[in-house]
Amino acid sequence: MKLYLLLLSILLLGCCGLLDMHTICEQTSDPALRDRCMSSLALSDRNITKCGEVKNLTTKEYCMMKIAIITLDEAECEHMETSLTDQCKKVVGRIKINNSLACAGIADNETAEVCRIRVG
């Protein structure tokens, strides 16, 4: 609930030009909430570089995977540092050939949902 209120506030204030959404995310005191906020910004901009501002490695990797899935760019998976790199490449490759099992095995619920939406 906190995340949704934060994101709604960011969206409304950012649209009004009153606050910079990136600044709001940076100033969030809860590290997990900050990371999710930064990840959401990266996803909305489809900018994998912004995933680099996420502190938690797992959250950062899933941020990168979501962008790779949305853009269908396996090269985006190369920026990852963990074993998720191989999974990322496999998922993107499967989506490209419309494999219905493309999203199987993704542990992160948000990433799995992005994948299911992309598969269509």
N, C-alpha and C. Protein backbone atom coordinates (compact mmCIF):
# COMPACT_ATOMS: atom_id res chain seq x y z
N MET A 1 0.83 -1.19 0.00
CA MET A 1 0.00 0.00 0.00
C MET A 1 0.87 1.26 0.00
N LYS A 2 1.96 1.22 0.79
CA LYS A 2 2.86 2.37 0.85
C LYS A 2 3.42 2.70 -0.53
N LEU A 3 3.81 1.64 -1.26
CA LEU A 3 4.41 1.85 -2.58
C LEU A 3 3.41 2.50 -3.52
N TYR A 4 2.18 2.03 -3.50
CA TYR A 4 1.18 2.58 -4.41
C TYR A 4 0.88 4.05 -4.09
N LEU A 5 0.83 4.39 -2.82
CA LEU A 5 0.62 5.79 -2.43
C LEU A 5 1.81 6.65 -2.85
N LEU A 6 3.01 6.12 -2.65
CA LEU A 6 4.21 6.85 -3.05
C LEU A 6 4.22 7.07 -4.56
N LEU A 7 3.97 6.01 -5.32
CA LEU A 7 3.99 6.12 -6.77
C LEU A 7 2.89 7.04 -7.29
N LEU A 8 1.72 6.98 -6.66
CA LEU A 8 0.63 7.87 -7.05
C LEU A 8 1.01 9.32 -6.77
N SER A 9 1.61 9.57 -5.62
CA SER A 9 2.05 10.92 -5.28
C SER A 9 3.11 11.41 -6.25
N ILE A 10 4.04 10.53 -6.57
CA ILE A 10 5.10 10.89 -7.51
C ILE A 10 4.50 11.24 -8.86
N LEU A 11 3.58 10.42 -9.31
CA LEU A 11 2.95 10.64 -10.60
C LEU A 11 2.21 11.97 -10.63
N LEU A 12 1.41 12.21 -9.62
CA LEU A 12 0.62 13.45 -9.59
C LEU A 12 1.51 14.69 -9.47
N LEU A 13 2.46 14.66 -8.58
CA LEU A 13 3.33 15.82 -8.38
C LEU A 13 4.27 16.01 -9.56
N GLY A 14 4.74 14.90 -10.13
CA GLY A 14 5.62 14.98 -11.30
C GLY A 14 4.89 15.54 -12.50
N CYS A 15 3.64 15.11 -12.68
CA CYS A 15 2.84 15.61 -13.82
C CYS A 15 2.56 17.09 -13.68
N CYS A 16 2.42 17.55 -12.46
CA CYS A 16 2.16 18.97 -12.22
C CYS A 16 3.44 19.80 -12.31
N GLY A 17 4.56 19.14 -12.41
CA GLY A 17 5.83 19.84 -12.50
C GLY A 17 6.31 20.38 -11.17
N LEU A 18 5.70 19.92 -10.07
CA LEU A 18 6.07 20.43 -8.76
C LEU A 18 7.29 19.73 -8.18
N LEU A 19 7.43 18.46 -8.49
CA LEU A 19 8.54 17.70 -7.94
C LEU A 19 9.14 16.79 -9.01
N ASP A 20 10.42 16.61 -8.92
CA ASP A 20 11.12 15.68 -9.79
C ASP A 20 10.97 14.28 -9.19
N MET A 21 10.44 13.35 -9.97
CA MET A 21 10.17 12.01 -9.48
C MET A 21 11.45 11.31 -9.02
N HIS A 22 12.54 11.53 -9.71
CA HIS A 22 13.80 10.91 -9.34
C HIS A 22 14.24 11.38 -7.96
N THR A 23 14.08 12.65 -7.69
CA THR A 23 14.45 13.22 -6.39
C THR A 23 13.61 12.61 -5.28
N ILE A 24 12.34 12.45 -5.54
CA ILE A 24 11.46 11.85 -4.53
C ILE A 24 11.91 10.44 -4.20
N CYS A 25 12.22 9.67 -5.23
CA CYS A 25 12.69 8.30 -4.99
C CYS A 25 13.97 8.30 -4.16
N GLU A 26 14.90 9.16 -4.52
CA GLU A 26 16.17 9.24 -3.80
C GLU A 26 16.00 9.59 -2.34
N GLN A 27 15.01 10.40 -2.03
CA GLN A 27 14.81 10.88 -0.67
C GLN A 27 13.98 9.95 0.20
N THR A 28 13.48 8.88 -0.38
CA THR A 28 12.68 7.92 0.39
C THR A 28 13.58 7.23 1.40
N SER A 29 13.17 7.21 2.66
CA SER A 29 14.03 6.69 3.73
C SER A 29 14.05 5.16 3.80
N ASP A 30 13.01 4.49 3.37
CA ASP A 30 12.95 3.03 3.39
C ASP A 30 13.71 2.49 2.18
N PRO A 31 14.81 1.76 2.41
CA PRO A 31 15.64 1.29 1.28
C PRO A 31 14.89 0.41 0.27
N ALA A 32 14.03 -0.46 0.76
CA ALA A 32 13.28 -1.34 -0.15
C ALA A 32 12.31 -0.53 -1.00
N LEU A 33 11.65 0.43 -0.38
CA LEU A 33 10.72 1.28 -1.09
C LEU A 33 11.45 2.17 -2.10
N ARG A 34 12.61 2.66 -1.70
CA ARG A 34 13.43 3.47 -2.60
C ARG A 34 13.82 2.66 -3.84
N ASP A 35 14.25 1.43 -3.63
CA ASP A 35 14.65 0.58 -4.74
C ASP A 35 13.48 0.29 -5.68
N ARG A 36 12.32 0.02 -5.12
CA ARG A 36 11.15 -0.25 -5.96
C ARG A 36 10.74 1.00 -6.73
N CYS A 37 10.87 2.14 -6.09
CA CYS A 37 10.55 3.41 -6.75
C CYS A 37 11.51 3.66 -7.92
N MET A 38 12.81 3.47 -7.68
CA MET A 38 13.80 3.67 -8.74
C MET A 38 13.59 2.67 -9.87
N SER A 39 13.25 1.45 -9.51
CA SER A 39 12.98 0.42 -10.51
C SER A 39 11.77 0.80 -11.36
N SER A 40 10.75 1.34 -10.73
CA SER A 40 9.55 1.78 -11.46
C SER A 40 9.88 2.91 -12.43
N LEU A 41 10.73 3.84 -12.00
CA LEU A 41 11.14 4.93 -12.88
C LEU A 41 11.91 4.39 -14.08
N ALA A 42 12.81 3.46 -13.83
CA ALA A 42 13.59 2.86 -14.92
C ALA A 42 12.67 2.16 -15.90
N LEU A 43 11.69 1.46 -15.37
CA LEU A 43 10.75 0.73 -16.21
C LEU A 43 9.88 1.67 -17.03
N SER A 44 9.41 2.73 -16.40
CA SER A 44 8.55 3.67 -17.14
C SER A 44 9.32 4.38 -18.25
N ASP A 45 10.62 4.60 -18.04
CA ASP A 45 11.45 5.24 -19.06
C ASP A 45 12.10 4.23 -20.01
N ARG A 46 11.96 2.95 -19.67
CA ARG A 46 12.63 1.87 -20.42
C ARG A 46 14.12 2.14 -20.53
N ASN A 47 14.68 2.56 -19.40
CA ASN A 47 16.09 2.96 -19.34
C ASN A 47 16.83 2.07 -18.36
N ILE A 48 17.56 1.11 -18.90
CA ILE A 48 18.27 0.14 -18.06
C ILE A 48 19.35 0.79 -17.20
N THR A 49 19.88 1.92 -17.63
CA THR A 49 20.90 2.62 -16.85
C THR A 49 20.35 3.05 -15.50
N LYS A 50 19.08 3.40 -15.45
CA LYS A 50 18.47 3.81 -14.19
C LYS A 50 18.35 2.65 -13.21
N CYS A 51 18.33 1.42 -13.73
CA CYS A 51 18.32 0.25 -12.84
C CYS A 51 19.59 0.22 -11.99
N GLY A 52 20.65 0.79 -12.51
CA GLY A 52 21.92 0.83 -11.79
C GLY A 52 21.84 1.62 -10.49
N GLU A 53 20.83 2.43 -10.33
CA GLU A 53 20.66 3.20 -9.10
C GLU A 53 19.95 2.42 -8.00
N VAL A 54 19.49 1.23 -8.34
CA VAL A 54 18.85 0.35 -7.36
C VAL A 54 19.96 -0.31 -6.55
N LYS A 55 19.88 -0.25 -5.23
CA LYS A 55 20.95 -0.75 -4.36
C LYS A 55 20.90 -2.27 -4.19
N ASN A 56 19.72 -2.84 -3.99
CA ASN A 56 19.58 -4.28 -3.78
C ASN A 56 19.86 -5.00 -5.09
N LEU A 57 20.83 -5.91 -5.08
CA LEU A 57 21.26 -6.57 -6.31
C LEU A 57 20.14 -7.35 -6.98
N THR A 58 19.35 -8.09 -6.22
CA THR A 58 18.26 -8.86 -6.81
C THR A 58 17.23 -7.95 -7.45
N THR A 59 16.85 -6.90 -6.76
CA THR A 59 15.89 -5.94 -7.31
C THR A 59 16.44 -5.29 -8.57
N LYS A 60 17.73 -4.97 -8.55
CA LYS A 60 18.39 -4.37 -9.71
C LYS A 60 18.35 -5.33 -10.91
N GLU A 61 18.65 -6.60 -10.67
CA GLU A 61 18.67 -7.58 -11.75
C GLU A 61 17.27 -7.78 -12.36
N TYR A 62 16.27 -7.83 -11.51
CA TYR A 62 14.90 -7.98 -12.02
C TYR A 62 14.45 -6.72 -12.75
N CYS A 63 14.93 -5.57 -12.32
CA CYS A 63 14.66 -4.32 -13.04
C CYS A 63 15.20 -4.44 -14.46
N MET A 64 16.43 -4.90 -14.58
CA MET A 64 17.05 -5.06 -15.89
C MET A 64 16.32 -6.10 -16.74
N MET A 65 15.89 -7.19 -16.09
CA MET A 65 15.18 -8.24 -16.82
C MET A 65 13.85 -7.72 -17.37
N LYS A 66 13.15 -6.93 -16.58
CA LYS A 66 11.87 -6.37 -17.03
C LYS A 66 12.07 -5.50 -18.27
N ILE A 67 13.10 -4.69 -18.26
CA ILE A 67 13.36 -3.82 -19.41
C ILE A 67 13.75 -4.66 -20.63
N ALA A 68 14.56 -5.69 -20.43
CA ALA A 68 14.92 -6.59 -21.54
C ALA A 68 13.68 -7.26 -22.11
N ILE A 69 12.75 -7.63 -21.25
CA ILE A 69 11.51 -8.27 -21.69
C ILE A 69 10.66 -7.29 -22.49
N ILE A 70 10.52 -6.09 -21.98
CA ILE A 70 9.68 -5.09 -22.65
C ILE A 70 10.26 -4.70 -24.01
N THR A 71 11.57 -4.53 -24.06
CA THR A 71 12.22 -4.09 -25.30
C THR A 71 12.58 -5.26 -26.21
N LEU A 72 12.44 -6.48 -25.69
CA LEU A 72 12.84 -7.70 -26.41
C LEU A 72 14.28 -7.61 -26.90
N ASP A 73 15.14 -7.13 -26.02
CA ASP A 73 16.55 -6.94 -26.35
C ASP A 73 17.42 -7.78 -25.42
N GLU A 74 17.89 -8.93 -25.93
CA GLU A 74 18.72 -9.82 -25.13
C GLU A 74 20.02 -9.15 -24.69
N ALA A 75 20.49 -8.18 -25.43
CA ALA A 75 21.72 -7.47 -25.08
C ALA A 75 21.58 -6.77 -23.73
N GLU A 76 20.37 -6.38 -23.37
CA GLU A 76 20.15 -5.73 -22.07
C GLU A 76 20.49 -6.68 -20.93
N CYS A 77 20.36 -7.99 -21.16
CA CYS A 77 20.67 -8.99 -20.14
C CYS A 77 22.17 -9.00 -19.81
N GLU A 78 22.99 -8.54 -20.72
CA GLU A 78 24.44 -8.54 -20.53
C GLU A 78 24.88 -7.62 -19.40
N HIS A 79 24.03 -6.68 -19.01
CA HIS A 79 24.37 -5.74 -17.94
C HIS A 79 24.24 -6.38 -16.56
N MET A 80 23.66 -7.57 -16.51
CA MET A 80 23.40 -8.23 -15.24
C MET A 80 24.66 -8.90 -14.71
N GLU A 81 24.72 -9.07 -13.38
CA GLU A 81 25.91 -9.60 -12.73
C GLU A 81 25.73 -10.98 -12.12
N THR A 82 24.52 -11.51 -12.14
CA THR A 82 24.26 -12.77 -11.45
C THR A 82 23.82 -13.86 -12.43
N SER A 83 23.40 -14.96 -11.86
CA SER A 83 22.95 -16.09 -12.68
C SER A 83 21.63 -15.79 -13.39
N LEU A 84 21.01 -14.68 -13.07
CA LEU A 84 19.77 -14.30 -13.76
C LEU A 84 20.04 -13.92 -15.22
N THR A 85 21.29 -13.68 -15.55
CA THR A 85 21.65 -13.31 -16.93
C THR A 85 21.18 -14.37 -17.91
N ASP A 86 21.48 -15.63 -17.63
CA ASP A 86 21.08 -16.72 -18.53
C ASP A 86 19.56 -16.84 -18.62
N GLN A 87 18.90 -16.72 -17.48
CA GLN A 87 17.44 -16.80 -17.48
C GLN A 87 16.85 -15.66 -18.29
N CYS A 88 17.40 -14.48 -18.13
CA CYS A 88 16.93 -13.31 -18.86
C CYS A 88 17.02 -13.55 -20.37
N LYS A 89 18.16 -14.04 -20.83
CA LYS A 89 18.34 -14.31 -22.25
C LYS A 89 17.36 -15.35 -22.76
N LYS A 90 17.16 -16.40 -21.97
CA LYS A 90 16.23 -17.47 -22.37
C LYS A 90 14.80 -16.93 -22.46
N VAL A 91 14.39 -16.15 -21.48
CA VAL A 91 13.04 -15.60 -21.46
C VAL A 91 12.81 -14.72 -22.68
N VAL A 92 13.73 -13.79 -22.94
CA VAL A 92 13.59 -12.89 -24.09
C VAL A 92 13.56 -13.69 -25.39
N GLY A 93 14.44 -14.68 -25.51
CA GLY A 93 14.47 -15.52 -26.70
C GLY A 93 13.17 -16.27 -26.91
N ARG A 94 12.61 -16.80 -25.83
CA ARG A 94 11.34 -17.53 -25.92
C ARG A 94 10.18 -16.62 -26.29
N ILE A 95 10.18 -15.42 -25.75
CA ILE A 95 9.11 -14.47 -26.08
C ILE A 95 9.16 -14.15 -27.57
N LYS A 96 10.36 -13.99 -28.10
CA LYS A 96 10.51 -13.66 -29.52
C LYS A 96 9.90 -14.71 -30.44
N ILE A 97 9.91 -15.97 -29.99
CA ILE A 97 9.34 -17.03 -30.83
C ILE A 97 7.95 -17.46 -30.34
N ASN A 98 7.35 -16.62 -29.50
CA ASN A 98 6.01 -16.84 -28.98
C ASN A 98 5.86 -18.16 -28.23
N ASN A 99 6.88 -18.54 -27.49
CA ASN A 99 6.84 -19.75 -26.68
C ASN A 99 5.98 -19.48 -25.45
N SER A 100 4.93 -20.27 -25.28
CA SER A 100 3.98 -20.05 -24.19
C SER A 100 4.60 -20.31 -22.81
N LEU A 101 5.73 -21.00 -22.77
CA LEU A 101 6.40 -21.27 -21.50
C LEU A 101 7.49 -20.26 -21.17
N ALA A 102 7.51 -19.17 -21.89
CA ALA A 102 8.56 -18.16 -21.74
C ALA A 102 8.71 -17.66 -20.31
N CYS A 103 7.62 -17.54 -19.59
CA CYS A 103 7.65 -16.92 -18.27
C CYS A 103 7.83 -17.93 -17.13
N ALA A 104 7.85 -19.20 -17.47
CA ALA A 104 7.98 -20.24 -16.45
C ALA A 104 9.32 -20.10 -15.73
N GLY A 105 9.27 -20.19 -14.44
CA GLY A 105 10.50 -20.17 -13.65
C GLY A 105 10.96 -18.81 -13.17
N ILE A 106 10.26 -17.74 -13.53
CA ILE A 106 10.64 -16.41 -13.04
C ILE A 106 10.13 -16.29 -11.61
N ALA A 107 11.05 -16.15 -10.67
CA ALA A 107 10.69 -16.14 -9.25
C ALA A 107 10.03 -14.83 -8.80
N ASP A 108 10.39 -13.73 -9.40
CA ASP A 108 9.86 -12.43 -9.02
C ASP A 108 8.48 -12.23 -9.65
N ASN A 109 7.47 -12.01 -8.82
CA ASN A 109 6.09 -11.89 -9.31
C ASN A 109 5.89 -10.74 -10.29
N GLU A 110 6.47 -9.59 -10.01
CA GLU A 110 6.31 -8.44 -10.90
C GLU A 110 6.95 -8.70 -12.27
N THR A 111 8.12 -9.30 -12.27
CA THR A 111 8.80 -9.62 -13.52
C THR A 111 8.02 -10.67 -14.29
N ALA A 112 7.50 -11.67 -13.60
CA ALA A 112 6.69 -12.70 -14.25
C ALA A 112 5.44 -12.10 -14.87
N GLU A 113 4.85 -11.12 -14.20
CA GLU A 113 3.64 -10.47 -14.74
C GLU A 113 3.98 -9.65 -15.98
N VAL A 114 5.09 -8.93 -15.96
CA VAL A 114 5.54 -8.18 -17.13
C VAL A 114 5.74 -9.15 -18.29
N CYS A 115 6.32 -10.29 -18.00
CA CYS A 115 6.56 -11.30 -19.02
C CYS A 115 5.24 -11.81 -19.61
N ARG A 116 4.29 -12.14 -18.73
CA ARG A 116 2.99 -12.65 -19.20
C ARG A 116 2.27 -11.62 -20.07
N ILE A 117 2.37 -10.37 -19.69
CA ILE A 117 1.75 -9.30 -20.49
C ILE A 117 2.43 -9.20 -21.85
N ARG A 118 3.75 -9.31 -21.85
CA ARG A 118 4.52 -9.20 -23.11
C ARG A 118 4.23 -10.36 -24.04
N VAL A 119 4.05 -11.57 -23.46
CA VAL A 119 3.75 -12.74 -24.28
C VAL A 119 2.37 -12.57 -24.93
N GLY A 120 1.50 -11.90 -24.20
CA GLY A 120 0.21 -11.53 -24.75
C GLY A 120 -0.83 -12.54 -24.50
